[in-house]
Protein backbone atom coordinates (compact mmCIF):
# COMPACT_ATOMS: atom_id res chain seq x y z
CA MET A 1 102.85 117.78 95.00
CA LEU A 2 102.88 120.93 92.87
CA ARG A 3 106.36 121.82 91.78
CA GLU A 4 106.33 125.63 91.96
CA SER A 5 107.43 127.53 95.05
CA ILE A 6 105.29 130.25 96.56
CA THR A 7 106.69 133.75 96.08
CA SER A 8 106.41 136.85 98.19
CA THR A 9 103.82 138.34 95.83
CA GLU A 10 101.40 135.43 96.25
CA ARG A 11 100.57 135.85 99.90
CA SER A 12 100.60 138.23 102.84
CA ASP A 13 103.85 137.42 104.59
CA PRO A 14 104.31 137.86 108.36
CA VAL A 15 108.07 138.31 107.83
CA SER A 16 109.27 141.90 107.45
CA ASP A 17 113.06 142.04 107.76
CA GLU A 18 113.83 139.46 105.08
CA HIS A 19 115.07 139.05 101.56
CA ARG A 20 114.07 136.24 99.22
CA ASP A 21 116.06 134.03 96.97
CA ASP A 22 114.94 133.07 93.46
CA ARG A 23 112.99 130.07 94.78
CA GLY A 24 110.62 132.13 96.92
CA THR A 25 112.53 131.37 100.10
CA ALA A 26 112.58 133.84 102.97
CA VAL A 27 115.98 134.20 104.63
CA LEU A 28 116.13 135.82 108.06
CA GLY A 29 119.70 136.44 109.16
CA THR A 30 122.64 134.91 107.33
CA LEU A 31 122.16 131.15 107.25
CA PRO A 32 124.75 130.07 104.64
CA ILE A 33 124.19 127.63 101.80
CA CYS A 34 126.17 124.42 101.98
CA SER A 35 127.89 123.40 98.75
CA SER A 36 128.80 119.96 100.05
CA PRO A 37 129.34 117.04 97.63
CA ARG A 38 126.36 115.47 99.40
CA ALA A 39 124.20 117.57 97.04
CA GLN A 40 124.75 114.84 94.47
CA ALA A 41 123.41 112.12 96.77
CA LYS A 42 120.24 110.16 96.08
CA ASP A 43 116.89 111.72 96.95
CA GLY A 44 115.55 108.72 98.88
CA SER A 45 113.10 107.81 96.10
CA ASP A 46 113.93 104.10 96.53
CA PHE A 47 112.12 104.16 99.87
CA PRO A 48 109.17 101.71 100.12
CA SER A 49 105.62 102.89 99.49
CA THR A 50 103.90 104.70 102.34
CA ARG A 51 100.19 105.07 102.94
CA TYR A 52 100.17 107.19 106.06
CA TYR A 53 98.51 110.55 106.52
CA GLY A 54 101.12 113.28 106.29
CA SER A 55 103.85 111.10 104.78
CA LYS A 56 106.73 113.12 103.34
CA LYS A 57 107.64 110.71 100.55
CA ARG A 58 106.07 112.87 97.83
CA GLN A 59 108.09 115.83 99.07
CA LEU A 60 111.49 114.19 99.27
CA GLU A 61 112.88 115.90 96.17
CA TRP A 62 112.10 119.35 97.55
CA LEU A 63 113.31 118.43 101.04
CA ARG A 64 116.56 117.18 99.57
CA GLU A 65 117.10 120.56 97.89
CA GLU A 66 116.64 122.21 101.28
CA PHE A 67 118.58 119.73 103.39
CA VAL A 68 121.81 120.05 101.40
CA ARG A 69 122.04 123.59 102.83
CA ILE A 70 122.40 122.21 106.35
CA ARG A 71 125.87 121.54 107.72
CA GLY A 72 126.77 118.78 110.13
CA ASN A 73 127.14 115.02 110.51
CA THR A 74 124.62 113.81 113.12
CA ILE A 75 120.88 114.37 113.08
CA LEU A 76 117.86 113.35 115.14
CA ASP A 77 114.68 112.66 113.17
CA ALA A 78 112.52 113.32 116.21
CA PHE A 79 109.11 112.44 114.73
CA GLY A 80 110.36 109.74 112.38
CA GLY A 81 107.01 108.35 111.20
CA THR A 82 107.44 106.25 108.06
CA GLY A 83 111.22 106.73 108.10
CA ALA A 84 111.27 108.27 104.61
CA VAL A 85 112.99 111.46 105.80
CA SER A 86 115.50 109.50 107.89
CA HIS A 87 116.34 107.59 104.72
CA LEU A 88 116.77 110.88 102.85
CA TRP A 89 119.10 112.27 105.52
CA ARG A 90 121.31 109.18 105.45
CA SER A 91 121.40 109.26 101.64
CA LEU A 92 122.90 112.73 102.08
CA GLY A 93 125.65 111.30 104.26
CA TRP A 94 124.30 112.04 107.74
CA LYS A 95 124.45 109.73 110.76
CA VAL A 96 120.77 109.49 111.63
CA THR A 97 118.93 108.67 114.85
CA TYR A 98 115.27 107.80 114.24
CA ASN A 99 112.64 108.33 116.92
CA ASP A 100 108.86 107.93 117.11
CA VAL A 101 106.34 107.51 119.92
CA PHE A 102 104.37 104.78 118.17
CA THR A 103 105.45 101.17 118.54
CA PHE A 104 104.26 100.22 115.05
CA ASN A 105 106.39 102.96 113.46
CA ASN A 106 109.37 101.92 115.57
CA ILE A 107 108.98 98.31 114.44
CA SER A 108 108.82 99.36 110.78
CA ALA A 109 111.93 101.49 111.21
CA ARG A 110 113.82 98.59 112.74
CA ALA A 111 112.84 96.40 109.79
CA ILE A 112 113.56 98.96 107.07
CA PHE A 113 116.87 100.23 108.45
CA SER A 114 118.28 96.80 109.22
CA ASP A 115 119.59 94.18 106.81
CA SER A 116 116.47 92.09 107.38
CA THR A 117 115.88 91.05 103.77
CA HIS A 118 119.52 89.92 103.48
CA VAL A 119 119.00 87.68 106.49
CA HIS A 120 115.47 86.51 105.69
CA SER A 121 114.82 85.50 102.09
CA GLU A 122 111.54 85.93 100.27
CA ASN A 123 111.18 82.14 100.18
CA SER A 124 111.45 81.95 103.98
CA VAL A 125 108.82 84.65 104.35
CA ARG A 126 106.54 82.98 101.81
CA GLU A 127 106.88 79.61 103.55
CA PHE A 128 106.12 81.13 106.95
CA LEU A 129 103.01 82.91 105.67
CA HIS A 130 101.80 79.76 103.92
CA GLU A 131 101.97 77.87 107.22
CA VAL A 132 99.78 80.35 109.14
CA GLN A 133 96.69 78.63 110.54
CA PRO A 134 93.60 80.80 111.17
CA LEU A 135 92.51 81.05 114.81
CA THR A 136 89.54 82.47 116.64
CA GLY A 137 91.46 84.83 118.87
CA PHE A 138 91.42 88.37 120.21
CA ILE A 139 91.06 90.10 116.85
CA SER A 140 88.26 87.77 115.72
CA ARG A 141 86.31 88.33 118.94
CA THR A 142 86.95 92.06 119.33
CA PHE A 143 86.81 93.48 115.79
CA GLU A 144 84.08 91.41 114.15
CA GLY A 145 82.36 93.44 111.44
CA LEU A 146 84.57 96.51 111.89
CA TYR A 147 87.63 96.46 109.64
CA PHE A 148 88.16 93.08 108.01
CA LEU A 149 86.14 90.03 107.01
CA PRO A 150 85.79 87.13 109.49
CA ASP A 151 88.27 84.87 107.68
CA GLU A 152 90.76 87.74 107.51
CA ASN A 153 90.44 88.41 111.25
CA ALA A 154 91.06 84.73 111.98
CA TRP A 155 94.13 84.74 109.72
CA LEU A 156 95.49 87.79 111.54
CA ASP A 157 95.07 86.04 114.88
CA GLY A 158 96.88 83.00 113.51
CA LEU A 159 99.72 85.11 112.18
CA LEU A 160 100.19 87.07 115.42
CA VAL A 161 100.26 83.91 117.50
CA LYS A 162 102.74 82.23 115.15
CA LEU A 163 105.00 85.31 115.22
CA GLN A 164 105.35 85.12 119.00
CA GLY A 165 107.96 82.38 118.74
CA GLN A 166 110.09 84.12 116.12
CA GLY A 167 113.30 86.09 116.45
CA GLU A 168 113.19 89.87 116.73
CA SER A 169 114.50 90.62 113.24
CA PHE A 170 112.04 88.31 111.49
CA ARG A 171 109.17 89.49 113.67
CA CYS A 172 109.81 93.18 112.89
CA LEU A 173 110.08 92.49 109.17
CA LEU A 174 106.83 90.53 109.07
CA LEU A 175 104.99 93.09 111.19
CA HIS A 176 106.11 95.94 108.93
CA CYS A 177 104.78 94.03 105.93
CA LEU A 178 101.57 93.32 107.84
CA PHE A 179 101.03 97.01 108.67
CA GLN A 180 101.30 97.91 104.99
CA ALA A 181 98.95 95.10 103.97
CA CYS A 182 96.37 96.19 106.54
CA LEU A 183 96.46 99.76 105.22
CA GLN A 184 96.01 98.58 101.64
CA LYS A 185 92.93 96.56 102.57
CA ARG A 186 91.29 99.54 104.28
CA PRO A 187 89.15 102.22 102.62
CA PHE A 188 91.01 105.53 103.02
CA ASN A 189 94.00 103.56 104.48
CA LEU A 190 92.68 104.40 107.97
CA PHE A 191 90.98 102.87 111.02
CA HIS A 192 89.08 105.95 112.19
CA ARG A 193 85.73 104.51 111.16
CA ALA A 194 84.18 101.06 111.10
CA ASN A 195 83.45 101.22 107.37
CA LEU A 196 83.82 97.61 106.33
CA HIS A 197 80.54 98.05 104.43
CA LEU A 198 82.43 100.03 101.77
CA ARG A 199 84.18 96.78 100.84
CA THR A 200 81.06 94.61 100.91
CA SER A 201 78.30 96.88 99.57
CA GLY A 202 79.22 96.66 95.90
CA GLY A 203 78.70 100.41 95.48
CA VAL A 204 80.91 102.95 93.75
CA VAL A 205 84.40 103.18 95.24
CA LYS A 206 85.63 106.77 95.62
CA PHE A 207 88.82 106.03 97.49
CA GLY A 208 90.28 102.56 97.37
CA ASN A 209 90.62 99.57 95.10
CA ARG A 210 88.34 96.54 95.25
CA THR A 211 90.95 94.38 93.56
CA THR A 212 93.47 95.20 96.27
CA TRP A 213 90.89 94.74 99.04
CA ALA A 214 90.19 91.23 97.78
CA ARG A 215 93.81 90.14 97.76
CA PRO A 216 94.90 87.93 100.67
CA PHE A 217 97.14 89.38 103.36
CA ARG A 218 100.01 87.07 102.44
CA GLU A 219 100.12 88.40 98.87
CA LEU A 220 100.17 92.05 99.95
CA MET A 221 102.78 91.29 102.61
CA LEU A 222 105.07 89.69 100.05
CA ASN A 223 104.75 92.81 97.90
CA ALA A 224 105.76 94.91 100.91
CA TYR A 225 108.72 92.60 101.52
CA ARG A 226 109.92 93.12 97.94
CA GLU A 227 109.81 96.88 98.33
CA VAL A 228 111.99 96.70 101.44
CA ALA A 229 114.35 94.30 99.67
CA ARG A 230 114.70 96.66 96.70
CA MET A 231 115.63 99.53 98.99
CA GLN A 232 118.08 97.46 101.02
CA THR A 233 119.90 96.25 97.88
CA SER A 234 119.70 99.44 95.76
CA ALA A 235 122.82 101.06 97.22
CA MET A 236 125.22 101.09 100.11
CA HIS A 237 123.47 102.82 102.99
CA LEU A 238 124.75 104.25 106.22
CA PRO A 239 123.18 102.67 109.33
CA VAL A 240 120.29 104.41 111.07
CA GLN A 241 120.12 104.24 114.86
CA VAL A 242 116.52 103.52 115.92
CA ALA A 243 115.79 104.83 119.42
CA ARG A 244 113.32 103.17 121.75
CA PRO A 245 109.79 104.47 121.09
CA GLY A 246 109.15 107.56 123.18
CA PRO A 247 108.71 111.35 123.23
CA ALA A 248 111.13 113.43 121.19
CA ASP A 249 112.63 115.12 124.25
CA THR A 250 113.71 111.83 125.83
CA VAL A 251 116.15 110.67 123.13
CA PRO A 252 119.67 110.48 124.58
CA GLY A 253 122.64 112.07 122.87
CA THR A 254 123.64 115.34 121.24
CA PHE A 255 123.13 116.15 117.57
CA ASP A 256 124.38 118.67 115.04
CA ALA A 257 120.83 119.02 113.73
CA VAL A 258 117.31 118.04 114.79
CA TYR A 259 114.47 117.57 112.30
CA LEU A 260 110.93 118.06 113.61
CA ASP A 261 107.86 116.88 111.73
CA PRO A 262 105.10 116.93 114.38
CA PRO A 263 101.47 116.14 113.54
CA TYR A 264 99.51 119.01 112.03
CA LEU A 265 96.63 120.48 114.01
CA HIS A 266 93.73 122.06 112.11
CA ARG A 267 93.09 125.68 112.95
CA ALA A 268 89.29 125.72 112.62
CA ARG A 269 88.28 122.20 113.61
CA LYS A 270 89.23 119.26 115.75
CA THR A 271 92.12 117.15 114.52
CA GLU A 272 91.91 113.38 114.74
CA SER A 273 94.90 112.04 116.58
CA TYR A 274 97.27 109.59 114.93
CA LEU A 275 96.28 107.07 117.57
CA HIS A 276 92.66 107.44 116.44
CA ARG A 277 93.66 106.93 112.81
CA TYR A 278 96.05 104.01 113.38
CA HIS A 279 95.06 102.42 116.68
CA PHE A 280 94.63 99.02 115.00
CA LEU A 281 98.27 99.02 113.86
CA GLU A 282 99.46 100.01 117.34
CA GLY A 283 97.43 97.11 118.67
CA LEU A 284 99.02 94.66 116.22
CA ALA A 285 102.43 95.90 117.35
CA ARG A 286 101.49 95.34 121.00
CA TYR A 287 99.40 92.21 120.53
CA ASP A 288 100.09 90.69 123.95
CA GLU A 289 98.94 93.80 125.81
CA TRP A 290 96.23 94.87 123.35
CA PRO A 291 93.29 93.59 125.47
CA ARG A 292 94.37 95.91 128.31
CA LEU A 293 94.69 98.92 126.01
CA ILE A 294 91.20 98.85 124.49
CA ASP A 295 88.72 101.58 125.37
CA THR A 296 85.65 99.42 126.00
CA ARG A 297 83.36 102.41 125.42
CA SER A 298 84.65 102.99 121.91
CA PRO A 299 82.46 101.66 119.08
CA ILE A 300 85.58 101.16 116.93
CA ARG A 301 87.51 99.48 119.78
CA GLN A 302 90.05 102.25 119.88
CA ILE A 303 93.09 102.16 122.12
CA LYS A 304 92.66 104.47 125.12
CA GLU A 305 93.64 108.06 124.48
CA GLY A 306 96.84 108.93 126.30
CA THR A 307 98.31 105.45 125.86
CA VAL A 308 100.76 106.99 123.39
CA PRO A 309 102.23 110.40 124.42
CA GLU A 310 101.63 112.09 121.07
CA TRP A 311 101.13 115.81 120.40
CA ALA A 312 97.37 115.73 119.82
CA SER A 313 96.12 118.73 121.83
CA LYS A 314 96.18 122.40 120.78
CA MET A 315 96.37 123.28 124.45
CA ASP A 316 99.73 121.53 124.82
CA PHE A 317 101.16 121.70 121.29
CA ARG A 318 102.80 125.12 121.43
CA GLU A 319 104.27 124.51 124.87
CA ASN A 320 105.67 121.16 123.75
CA LEU A 321 107.17 122.68 120.62
CA VAL A 322 108.77 125.58 122.46
CA GLY A 323 110.21 123.19 125.05
CA LEU A 324 111.66 120.92 122.39
CA ILE A 325 113.24 123.80 120.45
CA GLU A 326 114.72 125.21 123.66
CA LYS A 327 116.16 121.78 124.47
CA TYR A 328 117.97 121.69 121.12
CA ARG A 329 118.64 125.40 120.66
CA ASN A 330 122.40 124.77 120.55
CA SER A 331 121.87 122.58 117.49
CA GLN A 332 120.38 123.41 114.12
CA VAL A 333 116.62 122.78 114.18
CA ILE A 334 114.54 122.16 111.06
CA LEU A 335 110.73 122.15 111.35
CA SER A 336 108.22 120.93 108.76
CA TYR A 337 104.70 122.27 109.08
CA VAL A 338 101.72 123.42 107.00
CA SER A 339 100.62 126.99 106.44
CA ASP A 340 97.24 128.21 107.70
CA GLU A 341 97.05 125.61 110.46
CA PHE A 342 97.71 125.78 114.21
CA PRO A 343 100.10 127.24 115.31
CA SER A 344 100.22 129.93 112.63
CA GLU A 345 103.24 130.44 110.43
CA SER A 346 103.90 133.83 111.99
CA ASP A 347 103.82 132.26 115.46
CA LEU A 348 106.25 129.53 114.40
CA ILE A 349 108.60 132.10 112.91
CA GLU A 350 108.52 134.11 116.11
CA ILE A 351 109.36 131.01 118.13
CA PHE A 352 112.37 130.38 115.90
CA ARG A 353 113.50 134.00 115.96
CA SER A 354 113.44 134.02 119.75
CA ASN A 355 115.74 130.99 119.86
CA PHE A 356 118.09 131.36 116.88
CA ASP A 357 120.21 134.09 115.34
CA ASN A 358 119.77 132.70 111.83
CA VAL A 359 116.35 131.63 110.58
CA ARG A 360 115.39 130.48 107.09
CA VAL A 361 111.83 129.97 105.80
CA SER A 362 111.01 127.98 102.67
CA ARG A 363 107.62 127.06 101.23
CA ARG A 364 106.35 124.63 98.62
CA SER A 365 102.79 124.09 97.40
CA PHE A 366 101.29 120.61 97.44
CA SER A 367 97.97 118.80 97.28
CA ARG A 368 96.30 116.17 99.44
CA ALA A 369 94.13 113.25 98.49
CA LEU A 370 90.39 113.95 98.83
CA SER A 371 90.97 117.71 99.09
CA LYS A 372 90.72 120.44 96.45
CA LYS A 373 92.37 122.99 98.71
CA LYS A 374 95.90 124.14 97.93
CA PHE A 375 98.33 123.74 100.82
CA PHE A 376 101.81 125.07 101.43
CA GLU A 377 104.43 123.05 103.23
CA VAL A 378 106.55 125.34 105.39
CA LEU A 379 110.14 124.49 106.30
CA LEU A 380 111.78 126.58 109.01
CA SER A 381 115.49 126.23 109.74
CA GLY A 382 117.15 127.79 112.76
CA ARG A 383 120.82 127.95 113.72
CA PRO A 384 122.50 129.54 116.74
């Protein structure tokens, strides 16, 4: 991420009745700055590595600078994803409720925000992984030649079957480590294409690491375990309440603040859904029901669209966003988005201005892997 903030002279700004602070932040209304002692809290940098598209981990320092301005005690992280922002909020002293529609993200959150590595030692994890016996099961039969090598598919089947008899805490911890290992062994860290040939062709690697691809799952999973253990022992952390996986507007309770980080939709082209990118991980998380979820017409054996109620359609996105903001309009709402995408920044600002008396807009430039284009993360904050 680039460290400088965009200023009013660098772009055509849709906001007219505003003033700017010395960081290039547009302030609409009179949203006050919080000078709470929480400003000295950690920035969440001890959070485990993330390899997901759109992860906020690289932006945690900037987000921390913005979040200390928000007042309150309870917050809903409505599109929790990796959990990195939930971890940041709790490091600032908030009581956090994490929510996500995907089962695999929910499982990771339950592992990361529990005391799982205090209960389950690295030796117990290593011993369990060593005892896994490869099987010719659903993954071996369904995904041959798509994502992993035959012996790797058989090992995954053996692991998933062996996990079925384990307790919930151990199962969530192992599955979280498995998700991270699967991403590391994939070109581009995605499952949107059946590009196993990039691992086996011997050609030039533009995105990925052949050394990592060749490492066994158990080794990569142990590395993921150690990252979780480091976070869980690095400091005293407030608990995070992990809601059942579901849409953001179904989470019970009231909150002082609600943080929204919905998926970004490209303005000029179709946007691949998160389910399309990570369907294999969702299948691992729902192994018993996976055979019923597969779209048999899909060449990559994708899970059927609509199985997860994500915001993947431009047609519905704006309506969903407006409905969610209206639901929480009596709370403070903070929205992360990207400039020059859909909906537009001016449209988002108008939505906030129609629901809140005090609106604040902040921007920070950043870069993405495999892209030379400069992007700007936009953070809108609204308060009644």
